[in-house]
Amino acid sequence: MIRAVFFDIDGTLISHHDLHIPASVMQALDALHCRGIKTGIATGRHTLEIEEENLLKDLTFDFYVTLNGQLCYKKDKLVYDHPMACEDVKKMLEISEKYQIPVLLIEAHDMYMNFINDDVIAAQQSIHTAIPPIKAIDIDHLPVIYQMCIYTSPEKIRLLKDLKHTAITQWHDAAYDLISDSGSKTEGIAKVLKDEHITLDEVICFGDGDNDADMLDKCGIGIAMKDASQKALAAADLVTKSVEEDGIYHALKQLKII
C-alpha cells in the first residue's frame, strides 16, 4: 500500500528548460491529497532557493527533505538535521584556496560563495538560479555547514580524496554537491516519515539525477524520468515520460495510484 509520494524538483516536478510546472502535476497532487496520500519534496536545493526563486509556485507539501536529506521539515518545522564533518569542510576550503576551486557553503539559514568563476556562472545558469553572494570565510571559526557545492572539472575530483566523511554527487558538468557520507535523501525521507509510521516500502519517489539514485533504489517504487541520468535510470523500478510530457501524472495513473 502506497502512503506517501516524494518528488525531486529540477527535471522532475519542474522543467529544466524554463522551470515550468505542468498543470498535470497539480492535478496529480490534488488526486493524491484526496486519497489521503502524503506528499513530499526530496531535493538538493535549500529552502532559501525554493522560496526566493518561487520554484514550487503555489504547491504545498507535507514534507520537505532539502539539501539531499541534510535539513528536513514537516511543513515548516525542522524535524531532522545532519551537518557535514567540520574537518572535511576545513579541508575542502584549503583545497579550494590552493587550487582555486569555487565553493558554495550552505548553512541552515544562509548560503554564500568564497569566489566566482565561469564554472559557477554556467552551472547556476543551467538551473536558472541566481549566484549566491560572496562572503569572507574564517576557516578557524566555521559555522555549522550542511552542504557544500564545488565548481570544477571531473579531473580535479581526485583532489578531494582526503575528505573521509563526505559523499560527492555530480549535478552539472562542472558542479558537485558535497554532504555527509552518512546522509542521503533516503535517510531524510525515513526521518520525516518516522512519526507517521510510514515505512520506505510504502513510498513512491520520483527523480532524475545521480543524487536521486539511492532513494529510487530503496523506496518501495522508484520512478525515474525519461531523461534521467544513467545512474538514476539504473536504480529505478520504472521509467516514465519526461516532465514536459506529464511523466508524473502518467506514472501515477499507470500504477493506479490516482
Protein backbone atom coordinates (compact mmCIF):
# COMPACT_ATOMS: atom_id res chain seq x y z
CA MET A 1 0.00 0.00 0.00
CA ILE A 2 1.39 3.38 -1.01
CA ARG A 3 1.02 6.03 1.69
CA ALA A 4 3.48 8.75 0.58
CA VAL A 5 4.99 10.10 -2.64
CA PHE A 6 8.19 12.17 -2.79
CA PHE A 7 9.41 14.28 -5.69
CA ASP A 8 12.73 15.72 -6.73
CA ILE A 9 12.33 19.28 -8.05
CA ASP A 10 14.59 20.07 -11.02
CA GLY A 11 13.83 17.92 -14.04
CA THR A 12 11.10 16.08 -12.15
CA LEU A 13 8.46 18.48 -10.86
CA ILE A 14 9.71 21.37 -12.97
CA SER A 15 11.23 21.57 -16.42
CA HIS A 16 14.98 22.06 -16.73
CA HIS A 17 14.28 24.34 -19.68
CA ASP A 18 12.16 27.07 -18.10
CA LEU A 19 11.20 26.00 -14.54
CA HIS A 20 7.64 25.40 -15.75
CA ILE A 21 5.37 23.12 -13.68
CA PRO A 22 2.86 21.28 -15.91
CA ALA A 23 -0.81 21.52 -14.99
CA SER A 24 -0.83 17.71 -14.78
CA VAL A 25 1.49 17.88 -11.74
CA MET A 26 -1.07 19.97 -9.88
CA GLN A 27 -3.82 17.54 -10.89
CA ALA A 28 -1.77 14.60 -9.65
CA LEU A 29 -1.06 16.28 -6.31
CA ASP A 30 -4.74 17.11 -5.82
CA ALA A 31 -5.64 13.50 -6.54
CA LEU A 32 -3.04 12.19 -4.07
CA HIS A 33 -4.29 14.52 -1.34
CA CYS A 34 -7.88 13.44 -1.99
CA ARG A 35 -6.82 9.83 -1.45
CA GLY A 36 -5.10 10.69 1.82
CA ILE A 37 -1.62 10.03 0.43
CA LYS A 38 1.11 12.24 1.90
CA THR A 39 3.38 14.19 -0.44
CA GLY A 40 6.91 15.45 -0.04
CA ILE A 41 9.82 17.15 -1.71
CA ALA A 42 13.23 15.47 -1.84
CA THR A 43 15.73 17.91 -3.33
CA GLY A 44 19.33 19.03 -3.27
CA ARG A 45 18.16 22.63 -3.03
CA HIS A 46 17.93 24.82 0.06
CA THR A 47 14.62 26.26 1.25
CA LEU A 48 16.09 29.71 0.55
CA GLU A 49 16.37 28.87 -3.16
CA ILE A 50 12.91 27.34 -3.25
CA GLU A 51 11.36 30.43 -1.69
CA GLU A 52 13.44 33.13 -3.41
CA GLU A 53 13.08 31.58 -6.86
CA ASN A 54 9.43 30.62 -6.18
CA LEU A 55 10.23 27.21 -7.61
CA LEU A 56 7.13 25.44 -6.32
CA LYS A 57 4.70 28.25 -7.18
CA ASP A 58 1.59 27.71 -5.01
CA LEU A 59 2.15 23.99 -4.46
CA THR A 60 2.31 22.78 -0.86
CA PHE A 61 3.64 19.51 0.52
CA ASP A 62 3.52 17.64 3.81
CA PHE A 63 7.30 17.16 3.95
CA TYR A 64 10.40 18.94 2.64
CA VAL A 65 13.61 16.90 2.51
CA THR A 66 16.18 19.51 1.45
CA LEU A 67 19.94 19.64 0.86
CA ASN A 68 19.91 15.96 -0.13
CA GLY A 69 18.48 14.95 3.25
CA GLN A 70 20.57 17.20 5.48
CA LEU A 71 17.74 19.55 6.55
CA CYS A 72 14.28 18.00 6.71
CA TYR A 73 10.95 19.60 7.59
CA LYS A 74 7.40 18.56 8.37
CA LYS A 75 5.53 21.53 6.91
CA ASP A 76 7.71 24.37 8.25
CA LYS A 77 9.01 22.57 11.37
CA LEU A 78 12.56 21.23 11.30
CA VAL A 79 12.47 17.57 12.32
CA TYR A 80 15.95 16.36 11.31
CA ASP A 81 19.33 17.88 10.54
CA HIS A 82 22.63 16.27 9.63
CA PRO A 83 25.66 18.56 9.16
CA MET A 84 28.95 17.82 7.42
CA ALA A 85 32.07 16.91 9.38
CA CYS A 86 33.86 20.14 10.30
CA GLU A 87 37.26 18.65 9.47
CA ASP A 88 36.14 17.93 5.91
CA VAL A 89 34.73 21.43 5.48
CA LYS A 90 38.10 22.87 6.52
CA LYS A 91 39.99 20.53 4.20
CA MET A 92 37.73 21.47 1.29
CA LEU A 93 38.34 25.15 1.88
CA GLU A 94 42.08 24.56 1.99
CA ILE A 95 41.85 22.69 -1.33
CA SER A 96 39.71 25.49 -2.71
CA GLU A 97 42.31 28.10 -1.86
CA LYS A 98 45.24 26.06 -3.18
CA TYR A 99 43.65 25.01 -6.47
CA GLN A 100 41.22 27.91 -6.98
CA ILE A 101 38.06 25.80 -6.83
CA PRO A 102 34.96 27.89 -6.01
CA VAL A 103 32.89 26.65 -3.06
CA LEU A 104 29.30 27.36 -2.09
CA LEU A 105 28.82 26.92 1.67
CA ILE A 106 25.32 26.22 2.91
CA GLU A 107 24.18 26.82 6.49
CA ALA A 108 20.71 26.29 7.91
CA HIS A 109 19.69 29.88 7.12
CA ASP A 110 22.35 31.19 4.76
CA MET A 111 24.33 30.26 1.66
CA TYR A 112 27.30 32.04 0.11
CA MET A 113 30.33 31.67 -2.18
CA ASN A 114 34.01 32.17 -1.45
CA PHE A 115 34.57 33.38 -5.04
CA ILE A 116 33.05 33.08 -8.53
CA ASN A 117 34.39 31.92 -11.90
CA ASP A 118 32.98 30.82 -15.27
CA ASP A 119 32.10 27.34 -13.94
CA VAL A 120 29.88 28.89 -11.26
CA ILE A 121 28.14 31.11 -13.80
CA ALA A 122 27.50 28.21 -16.21
CA ALA A 123 26.24 25.82 -13.53
CA GLN A 124 23.89 28.32 -11.89
CA GLN A 125 22.54 29.39 -15.28
CA SER A 126 21.77 25.75 -16.06
CA ILE A 127 19.33 25.64 -13.14
CA HIS A 128 18.05 29.20 -13.73
CA THR A 129 19.21 30.26 -10.28
CA ALA A 130 20.96 33.42 -9.13
CA ILE A 131 24.57 33.20 -7.98
CA PRO A 132 24.75 33.40 -4.16
CA PRO A 133 26.64 36.35 -2.65
CA ILE A 134 30.36 36.25 -1.92
CA LYS A 135 31.24 36.27 1.76
CA ALA A 136 34.53 36.28 3.64
CA ILE A 137 35.15 32.93 5.33
CA ASP A 138 37.15 32.45 8.53
CA ILE A 139 38.39 28.87 8.29
CA ASP A 140 39.24 28.83 12.00
CA HIS A 141 35.72 29.83 13.09
CA LEU A 142 33.38 27.99 10.77
CA PRO A 143 29.63 27.82 11.32
CA VAL A 144 27.72 24.55 11.01
CA ILE A 145 27.72 23.58 7.31
CA TYR A 146 25.12 21.18 5.94
CA GLN A 147 26.16 21.06 2.29
CA MET A 148 28.85 22.42 0.03
CA CYS A 149 28.80 22.79 -3.75
CA ILE A 150 32.06 22.91 -5.66
CA TYR A 151 32.55 24.02 -9.24
CA THR A 152 35.34 22.24 -11.07
CA SER A 153 36.24 19.65 -13.69
CA PRO A 154 35.88 15.89 -13.15
CA GLU A 155 39.66 15.58 -13.32
CA LYS A 156 40.08 17.64 -10.15
CA ILE A 157 37.72 15.48 -8.05
CA ARG A 158 40.74 13.31 -7.20
CA LEU A 159 41.96 16.23 -5.10
CA LEU A 160 39.14 15.51 -2.64
CA LYS A 161 40.42 12.04 -1.71
CA ASP A 162 41.20 13.13 1.86
CA LEU A 163 37.59 14.09 2.63
CA LYS A 164 36.94 10.96 4.67
CA HIS A 165 33.39 11.71 5.80
CA THR A 166 31.94 13.23 2.64
CA ALA A 167 29.81 11.95 -0.24
CA ILE A 168 30.18 13.66 -3.62
CA THR A 169 27.47 13.79 -6.29
CA GLN A 170 27.70 15.46 -9.68
CA TRP A 171 24.76 17.61 -10.88
CA HIS A 172 26.38 19.55 -13.74
CA ASP A 173 29.40 19.05 -16.00
CA ALA A 174 31.32 21.36 -13.65
CA ALA A 175 29.38 21.21 -10.37
CA TYR A 176 29.13 18.78 -7.45
CA ASP A 177 27.22 18.53 -4.17
CA LEU A 178 29.14 17.54 -1.05
CA ILE A 179 27.28 16.20 2.01
CA SER A 180 27.98 13.90 4.93
CA ASP A 181 28.65 10.36 3.72
CA SER A 182 26.08 9.08 6.21
CA GLY A 183 23.34 11.33 4.81
CA SER A 184 21.04 10.98 1.80
CA LYS A 185 17.59 11.81 0.52
CA THR A 186 16.56 8.28 1.55
CA GLU A 187 17.64 8.88 5.15
CA GLY A 188 15.81 12.21 5.19
CA ILE A 189 12.61 10.60 3.89
CA ALA A 190 12.80 7.91 6.56
CA LYS A 191 13.28 10.56 9.29
CA VAL A 192 10.30 12.73 8.30
CA LEU A 193 8.03 9.68 7.99
CA LYS A 194 9.02 8.11 11.30
CA ASP A 195 6.28 9.76 13.39
CA GLU A 196 3.76 8.97 10.64
CA HIS A 197 4.60 5.27 10.99
CA ILE A 198 5.14 5.07 7.24
CA THR A 199 7.96 2.82 6.01
CA LEU A 200 10.09 3.24 2.89
CA ASP A 201 8.27 0.25 1.37
CA GLU A 202 5.11 2.39 1.39
CA VAL A 203 6.76 5.23 -0.56
CA ILE A 204 6.93 6.12 -4.24
CA CYS A 205 9.69 8.52 -5.23
CA PHE A 206 10.35 10.36 -8.48
CA GLY A 207 13.75 11.66 -9.58
CA ASP A 208 16.12 12.25 -12.45
CA GLY A 209 19.64 12.87 -11.08
CA ASP A 210 22.54 10.98 -9.57
CA ASN A 211 21.51 12.28 -6.13
CA ASP A 212 18.15 10.53 -6.58
CA ALA A 213 19.56 7.07 -7.29
CA ASP A 214 19.67 5.93 -3.66
CA MET A 215 16.03 6.78 -2.94
CA LEU A 216 14.92 5.33 -6.30
CA ASP A 217 16.60 2.09 -5.28
CA LYS A 218 15.50 1.91 -1.64
CA CYS A 219 11.94 3.25 -1.63
CA GLY A 220 9.02 0.96 -2.42
CA ILE A 221 8.72 2.14 -6.01
CA GLY A 222 11.40 4.31 -7.59
CA ILE A 223 10.38 6.12 -10.76
CA ALA A 224 12.94 7.84 -13.00
CA MET A 225 12.04 10.47 -15.57
CA LYS A 226 12.76 9.52 -19.19
CA ASP A 227 15.69 11.93 -19.48
CA ALA A 228 17.22 10.96 -16.11
CA SER A 229 20.91 10.29 -15.57
CA GLN A 230 22.21 6.79 -16.23
CA LYS A 231 22.69 6.22 -12.51
CA ALA A 232 19.08 7.19 -11.76
CA LEU A 233 17.73 5.08 -14.62
CA ALA A 234 19.66 2.03 -13.41
CA ALA A 235 18.32 2.40 -9.86
CA ALA A 236 14.65 2.87 -10.79
CA ASP A 237 11.86 0.29 -10.86
CA LEU A 238 10.03 2.19 -13.57
CA VAL A 239 10.89 4.83 -16.17
CA THR A 240 8.20 7.35 -17.04
CA LYS A 241 7.90 10.15 -19.57
CA SER A 242 9.68 13.47 -19.17
CA VAL A 243 8.26 16.28 -17.05
CA GLU A 244 7.32 18.12 -20.25
CA GLU A 245 5.35 15.01 -21.31
CA ASP A 246 3.43 14.82 -18.00
CA GLY A 247 5.56 11.97 -16.71
CA ILE A 248 4.45 12.17 -13.07
CA TYR A 249 0.74 12.07 -13.89
CA HIS A 250 1.29 9.30 -16.45
CA ALA A 251 3.18 7.06 -13.97
CA LEU A 252 0.70 7.51 -11.13
CA LYS A 253 -2.17 6.67 -13.47
CA GLN A 254 -0.29 3.67 -14.84
CA LEU A 255 0.22 2.35 -11.30
CA LYS A 256 -3.43 3.12 -10.44
CA ILE A 257 -2.35 5.35 -7.55
CA ILE A 258 -4.63 8.14 -8.81
